[in-house]
Amino acid sequence: MVDIIASVIVIAIIGGAVAYIIKSKKSGQKCIGCPYSKTCGGKNCGCNK
């Protein structure tokens, strides 16, 4: 029973992360981890520093 609960929690975390990435990409963010990704366009925004 503990294995099932742990599996459900892991699947929920992974599913939430995938949903966040899909939502961010659909909203136009180029690099998701960058706080300026909505304003910079993804080329020279400092995400690669």
PDB file of N, CA and C in Angstrom:
ATOM      1  N   MET A   1       0.819  -1.196   0.000  1.00  0.00           N
ATOM      2  CA  MET A   1       0.000   0.000   0.000  1.00  0.00           C
ATOM      3  C   MET A   1       0.865   1.262   0.000  1.00  0.00           C
ATOM      4  N   VAL A   2       1.971   1.210   0.735  1.00  0.00           N
ATOM      5  CA  VAL A   2       2.873   2.352   0.803  1.00  0.00           C
ATOM      6  C   VAL A   2       3.502   2.607  -0.559  1.00  0.00           C
ATOM      7  N   ASP A   3       3.806   1.526  -1.286  1.00  0.00           N
ATOM      8  CA  ASP A   3       4.391   1.668  -2.619  1.00  0.00           C
ATOM      9  C   ASP A   3       3.428   2.361  -3.573  1.00  0.00           C
ATOM     10  N   ILE A   4       2.164   2.056  -3.463  1.00  0.00           N
ATOM     11  CA  ILE A   4       1.161   2.676  -4.338  1.00  0.00           C
ATOM     12  C   ILE A   4       1.049   4.166  -4.034  1.00  0.00           C
ATOM     13  N   ILE A   5       1.018   4.518  -2.772  1.00  0.00           N
ATOM     14  CA  ILE A   5       0.916   5.928  -2.381  1.00  0.00           C
ATOM     15  C   ILE A   5       2.151   6.698  -2.835  1.00  0.00           C
ATOM     16  N   ALA A   6       3.327   6.113  -2.643  1.00  0.00           N
ATOM     17  CA  ALA A   6       4.564   6.764  -3.074  1.00  0.00           C
ATOM     18  C   ALA A   6       4.585   6.935  -4.588  1.00  0.00           C
ATOM     19  N   SER A   7       4.126   5.931  -5.312  1.00  0.00           N
ATOM     20  CA  SER A   7       4.078   6.013  -6.775  1.00  0.00           C
ATOM     21  C   SER A   7       3.129   7.106  -7.238  1.00  0.00           C
ATOM     22  N   VAL A   8       1.986   7.219  -6.600  1.00  0.00           N
ATOM     23  CA  VAL A   8       1.014   8.252  -6.958  1.00  0.00           C
ATOM     24  C   VAL A   8       1.591   9.641  -6.691  1.00  0.00           C
ATOM     25  N   ILE A   9       2.298   9.803  -5.594  1.00  0.00           N
ATOM     26  CA  ILE A   9       2.906  11.097  -5.277  1.00  0.00           C
ATOM     27  C   ILE A   9       3.970  11.464  -6.304  1.00  0.00           C
ATOM     28  N   VAL A  10       4.815  10.510  -6.676  1.00  0.00           N
ATOM     29  CA  VAL A  10       5.859  10.769  -7.672  1.00  0.00           C
ATOM     30  C   VAL A  10       5.239  11.107  -9.020  1.00  0.00           C
ATOM     31  N   ILE A  11       4.225  10.379  -9.422  1.00  0.00           N
ATOM     32  CA  ILE A  11       3.548  10.648 -10.696  1.00  0.00           C
ATOM     33  C   ILE A  11       2.891  12.024 -10.673  1.00  0.00           C
ATOM     34  N   ALA A  12       2.309  12.413  -9.540  1.00  0.00           N
ATOM     35  CA  ALA A  12       1.687  13.736  -9.428  1.00  0.00           C
ATOM     36  C   ALA A  12       2.726  14.848  -9.538  1.00  0.00           C
ATOM     37  N   ILE A  13       3.887  14.664  -8.930  1.00  0.00           N
ATOM     38  CA  ILE A  13       4.945  15.674  -9.012  1.00  0.00           C
ATOM     39  C   ILE A  13       5.454  15.804 -10.443  1.00  0.00           C
ATOM     40  N   ILE A  14       5.704  14.686 -11.091  1.00  0.00           N
ATOM     41  CA  ILE A  14       6.179  14.718 -12.482  1.00  0.00           C
ATOM     42  C   ILE A  14       5.115  15.308 -13.394  1.00  0.00           C
ATOM     43  N   GLY A  15       3.865  14.939 -13.185  1.00  0.00           N
ATOM     44  CA  GLY A  15       2.776  15.495 -13.986  1.00  0.00           C
ATOM     45  C   GLY A  15       2.637  16.994 -13.813  1.00  0.00           C
ATOM     46  N   GLY A  16       2.802  17.473 -12.593  1.00  0.00           N
ATOM     47  CA  GLY A  16       2.745  18.911 -12.343  1.00  0.00           C
ATOM     48  C   GLY A  16       3.879  19.653 -13.018  1.00  0.00           C
ATOM     49  N   ALA A  17       5.071  19.070 -13.003  1.00  0.00           N
ATOM     50  CA  ALA A  17       6.221  19.698 -13.660  1.00  0.00           C
ATOM     51  C   ALA A  17       6.019  19.763 -15.169  1.00  0.00           C
ATOM     52  N   VAL A  18       5.517  18.691 -15.753  1.00  0.00           N
ATOM     53  CA  VAL A  18       5.254  18.673 -17.197  1.00  0.00           C
ATOM     54  C   VAL A  18       4.170  19.686 -17.550  1.00  0.00           C
ATOM     55  N   ALA A  19       3.124  19.767 -16.746  1.00  0.00           N
ATOM     56  CA  ALA A  19       2.054  20.736 -17.000  1.00  0.00           C
ATOM     57  C   ALA A  19       2.581  22.164 -16.920  1.00  0.00           C
ATOM     58  N   TYR A  20       3.476  22.441 -15.971  1.00  0.00           N
ATOM     59  CA  TYR A  20       4.069  23.775 -15.838  1.00  0.00           C
ATOM     60  C   TYR A  20       4.909  24.121 -17.066  1.00  0.00           C
ATOM     61  N   ILE A  21       5.687  23.171 -17.546  1.00  0.00           N
ATOM     62  CA  ILE A  21       6.520  23.408 -18.732  1.00  0.00           C
ATOM     63  C   ILE A  21       5.653  23.666 -19.951  1.00  0.00           C
ATOM     64  N   ILE A  22       4.616  22.876 -20.147  1.00  0.00           N
ATOM     65  CA  ILE A  22       3.723  23.061 -21.297  1.00  0.00           C
ATOM     66  C   ILE A  22       3.034  24.416 -21.219  1.00  0.00           C
ATOM     67  N   LYS A  23       2.545  24.789 -20.041  1.00  0.00           N
ATOM     68  CA  LYS A  23       1.875  26.079 -19.864  1.00  0.00           C
ATOM     69  C   LYS A  23       2.828  27.238 -20.135  1.00  0.00           C
ATOM     70  N   SER A  24       4.063  27.131 -19.667  1.00  0.00           N
ATOM     71  CA  SER A  24       5.053  28.191 -19.875  1.00  0.00           C
ATOM     72  C   SER A  24       5.413  28.337 -21.341  1.00  0.00           C
ATOM     73  N   LYS A  25       5.592  27.235 -22.025  1.00  0.00           N
ATOM     74  CA  LYS A  25       5.938  27.285 -23.444  1.00  0.00           C
ATOM     75  C   LYS A  25       4.785  27.855 -24.269  1.00  0.00           C
ATOM     76  N   LYS A  26       3.549  27.519 -23.912  1.00  0.00           N
ATOM     77  CA  LYS A  26       2.398  28.059 -24.641  1.00  0.00           C
ATOM     78  C   LYS A  26       2.231  29.556 -24.413  1.00  0.00           C
ATOM     79  N   SER A  27       2.691  30.054 -23.261  1.00  0.00           N
ATOM     80  CA  SER A  27       2.575  31.485 -22.986  1.00  0.00           C
ATOM     81  C   SER A  27       3.706  32.283 -23.623  1.00  0.00           C
ATOM     82  N   GLY A  28       4.656  31.614 -24.269  1.00  0.00           N
ATOM     83  CA  GLY A  28       5.690  32.298 -25.023  1.00  0.00           C
ATOM     84  C   GLY A  28       7.025  32.450 -24.337  1.00  0.00           C
ATOM     85  N   GLN A  29       7.237  31.815 -23.218  1.00  0.00           N
ATOM     86  CA  GLN A  29       8.525  31.917 -22.537  1.00  0.00           C
ATOM     87  C   GLN A  29       9.557  31.075 -23.283  1.00  0.00           C
ATOM     88  N   LYS A  30      10.733  31.654 -23.499  1.00  0.00           N
ATOM     89  CA  LYS A  30      11.788  30.934 -24.213  1.00  0.00           C
ATOM     90  C   LYS A  30      12.598  30.057 -23.267  1.00  0.00           C
ATOM     91  N   CYS A  31      13.069  30.631 -22.184  1.00  0.00           N
ATOM     92  CA  CYS A  31      13.814  29.853 -21.189  1.00  0.00           C
ATOM     93  C   CYS A  31      13.044  29.960 -19.871  1.00  0.00           C
ATOM     94  N   ILE A  32      12.502  28.866 -19.440  1.00  0.00           N
ATOM     95  CA  ILE A  32      11.542  28.850 -18.345  1.00  0.00           C
ATOM     96  C   ILE A  32      12.161  29.277 -17.014  1.00  0.00           C
ATOM     97  N   GLY A  33      13.401  28.944 -16.760  1.00  0.00           N
ATOM     98  CA  GLY A  33      14.026  29.264 -15.488  1.00  0.00           C
ATOM     99  C   GLY A  33      14.445  30.708 -15.339  1.00  0.00           C
ATOM    100  N   CYS A  34      14.428  31.462 -16.415  1.00  0.00           N
ATOM    101  CA  CYS A  34      14.884  32.848 -16.398  1.00  0.00           C
ATOM    102  C   CYS A  34      13.749  33.766 -15.944  1.00  0.00           C
ATOM    103  N   PRO A  35      13.979  34.633 -14.956  1.00  0.00           N
ATOM    104  CA  PRO A  35      12.905  35.517 -14.499  1.00  0.00           C
ATOM    105  C   PRO A  35      12.520  36.582 -15.522  1.00  0.00           C
ATOM    106  N   TYR A  36      13.370  36.836 -16.521  1.00  0.00           N
ATOM    107  CA  TYR A  36      13.102  37.849 -17.540  1.00  0.00           C
ATOM    108  C   TYR A  36      12.671  37.230 -18.865  1.00  0.00           C
ATOM    109  N   SER A  37      12.277  35.974 -18.869  1.00  0.00           N
ATOM    110  CA  SER A  37      12.031  35.267 -20.121  1.00  0.00           C
ATOM    111  C   SER A  37      10.856  35.819 -20.915  1.00  0.00           C
ATOM    112  N   LYS A  38       9.907  36.467 -20.276  1.00  0.00           N
ATOM    113  CA  LYS A  38       8.778  37.039 -21.013  1.00  0.00           C
ATOM    114  C   LYS A  38       9.152  38.338 -21.707  1.00  0.00           C
ATOM    115  N   THR A  39      10.188  39.017 -21.251  1.00  0.00           N
ATOM    116  CA  THR A  39      10.529  40.326 -21.796  1.00  0.00           C
ATOM    117  C   THR A  39      11.717  40.308 -22.744  1.00  0.00           C
ATOM    118  N   CYS A  40      12.544  39.278 -22.704  1.00  0.00           N
ATOM    119  CA  CYS A  40      13.798  39.342 -23.449  1.00  0.00           C
ATOM    120  C   CYS A  40      13.738  38.677 -24.813  1.00  0.00           C
ATOM    121  N   GLY A  41      12.850  37.760 -25.045  1.00  0.00           N
ATOM    122  CA  GLY A  41      12.785  37.076 -26.326  1.00  0.00           C
ATOM    123  C   GLY A  41      13.700  35.879 -26.442  1.00  0.00           C
ATOM    124  N   GLY A  42      14.521  35.614 -25.463  1.00  0.00           N
ATOM    125  CA  GLY A  42      15.306  34.398 -25.435  1.00  0.00           C
ATOM    126  C   GLY A  42      16.677  34.456 -26.071  1.00  0.00           C
ATOM    127  N   LYS A  43      17.065  35.562 -26.729  1.00  0.00           N
ATOM    128  CA  LYS A  43      18.369  35.587 -27.394  1.00  0.00           C
ATOM    129  C   LYS A  43      19.475  36.057 -26.466  1.00  0.00           C
ATOM    130  N   ASN A  44      19.450  37.288 -26.033  1.00  0.00           N
ATOM    131  CA  ASN A  44      20.522  37.836 -25.207  1.00  0.00           C
ATOM    132  C   ASN A  44      19.984  38.304 -23.862  1.00  0.00           C
ATOM    133  N   CYS A  45      19.243  37.477 -23.198  1.00  0.00           N
ATOM    134  CA  CYS A  45      18.560  37.932 -21.992  1.00  0.00           C
ATOM    135  C   CYS A  45      19.305  37.627 -20.704  1.00  0.00           C
ATOM    136  N   GLY A  46      20.404  36.972 -20.763  1.00  0.00           N
ATOM    137  CA  GLY A  46      21.122  36.646 -19.546  1.00  0.00           C
ATOM    138  C   GLY A  46      20.741  35.302 -18.961  1.00  0.00           C
ATOM    139  N   CYS A  47      19.919  34.547 -19.645  1.00  0.00           N
ATOM    140  CA  CYS A  47      19.552  33.219 -19.153  1.00  0.00           C
ATOM    141  C   CYS A  47      20.740  32.268 -19.231  1.00  0.00           C
ATOM    142  N   ASN A  48      21.666  32.542 -20.122  1.00  0.00           N
ATOM    143  CA  ASN A  48      22.796  31.645 -20.334  1.00  0.00           C
ATOM    144  C   ASN A  48      23.997  32.009 -19.480  1.00  0.00           C
ATOM    145  N   LYS A  49      23.860  32.966 -18.587  1.00  0.00           N
ATOM    146  CA  LYS A  49      24.989  33.382 -17.748  1.00  0.00           C
ATOM    147  C   LYS A  49      25.145  32.461 -16.576  1.00  0.00           C
TER     148      LYS A  49
END
